[in-house]
Amino acid sequence: MTGPTPATTTTARICPNCDGFASAAITIGGRDRRGHLPTLTIDCPACNGLGTIPARRVREGAGA
C-alpha cells in the first residue's frame, strides 16, 4: 500500500520579455500649461502587465 501522491504546484516564472517590470511609464513630449509631464503607462504585451507567466511543464523524455 502506498501513501497519497503529493500535489504538485506550478509556480509562475518571471516574464522573459520584460524581466518582471511589466509596466513602463513613457513620456509623450513636453510639459503642459500647468507644468505637468504627460505620460502613458504601457503594459508588457507578453504577460499583459502581470510580470509573470505560467511555468511550463517539462515532459519526461523531452529533448533539450
Protein backbone atom coordinates (compact mmCIF):
# COMPACT_ATOMS: atom_id res chain seq x y z
CA MET A 1 0.00 0.00 0.00
CA THR A 2 1.41 3.34 -0.99
CA GLY A 3 0.78 6.73 0.57
CA PRO A 4 -1.09 9.59 -1.06
CA THR A 5 0.52 11.19 -4.09
CA PRO A 6 1.83 14.65 -3.19
CA ALA A 7 0.15 17.50 -5.01
CA THR A 8 2.39 19.29 -7.45
CA THR A 9 2.10 23.00 -7.89
CA THR A 10 3.41 25.04 -10.76
CA THR A 11 4.89 28.33 -9.77
CA ALA A 12 4.80 31.31 -12.06
CA ARG A 13 8.08 32.43 -13.55
CA ILE A 14 9.31 35.91 -14.40
CA CYS A 15 8.32 37.06 -17.88
CA PRO A 16 11.39 36.79 -20.16
CA ASN A 17 10.25 39.74 -22.28
CA CYS A 18 10.02 42.36 -19.53
CA ASP A 19 12.10 40.69 -16.75
CA GLY A 20 9.27 41.27 -14.28
CA PHE A 21 8.96 45.01 -14.94
CA ALA A 22 5.54 44.63 -16.50
CA SER A 23 4.56 48.30 -16.86
CA ALA A 24 6.54 51.28 -18.05
CA ALA A 25 5.71 54.99 -17.91
CA ILE A 26 6.68 56.70 -21.16
CA THR A 27 6.70 60.45 -21.59
CA ILE A 28 4.83 61.74 -24.63
CA GLY A 29 6.65 65.02 -25.12
CA GLY A 30 6.94 68.37 -23.43
CA ARG A 31 5.10 69.74 -20.44
CA ASP A 32 1.53 71.02 -20.49
CA ARG A 33 0.37 74.51 -19.49
CA ARG A 34 0.36 73.61 -15.80
CA GLY A 35 3.91 72.20 -15.94
CA HIS A 36 2.92 68.55 -15.75
CA LEU A 37 4.82 65.96 -17.76
CA PRO A 38 2.22 63.78 -19.54
CA THR A 39 2.99 60.06 -19.53
CA LEU A 40 1.46 56.86 -20.87
CA THR A 41 1.52 53.63 -18.90
CA ILE A 42 2.30 50.74 -21.22
CA ASP A 43 1.94 47.08 -20.20
CA CYS A 44 4.10 44.23 -21.48
CA PRO A 45 2.20 42.54 -24.33
CA ALA A 46 3.58 39.08 -23.49
CA CYS A 47 2.36 38.93 -19.86
CA ASN A 48 -0.40 41.57 -20.08
CA GLY A 49 1.17 43.65 -17.33
CA LEU A 50 1.49 40.87 -14.76
CA GLY A 51 5.27 40.41 -14.80
CA THR A 52 4.94 36.64 -14.62
CA ILE A 53 3.90 33.88 -16.96
CA PRO A 54 2.77 30.34 -16.11
CA ALA A 55 5.57 27.84 -15.65
CA ARG A 56 5.98 25.34 -18.43
CA ARG A 57 5.53 21.70 -17.63
CA VAL A 58 8.54 19.62 -18.54
CA ARG A 59 7.64 16.39 -20.27
CA GLU A 60 9.54 13.30 -19.31
CA GLY A 61 11.91 12.21 -22.04
CA ALA A 62 11.68 15.51 -23.95
CA GLY A 63 14.84 16.55 -25.73
CA ALA A 64 16.53 19.74 -24.66
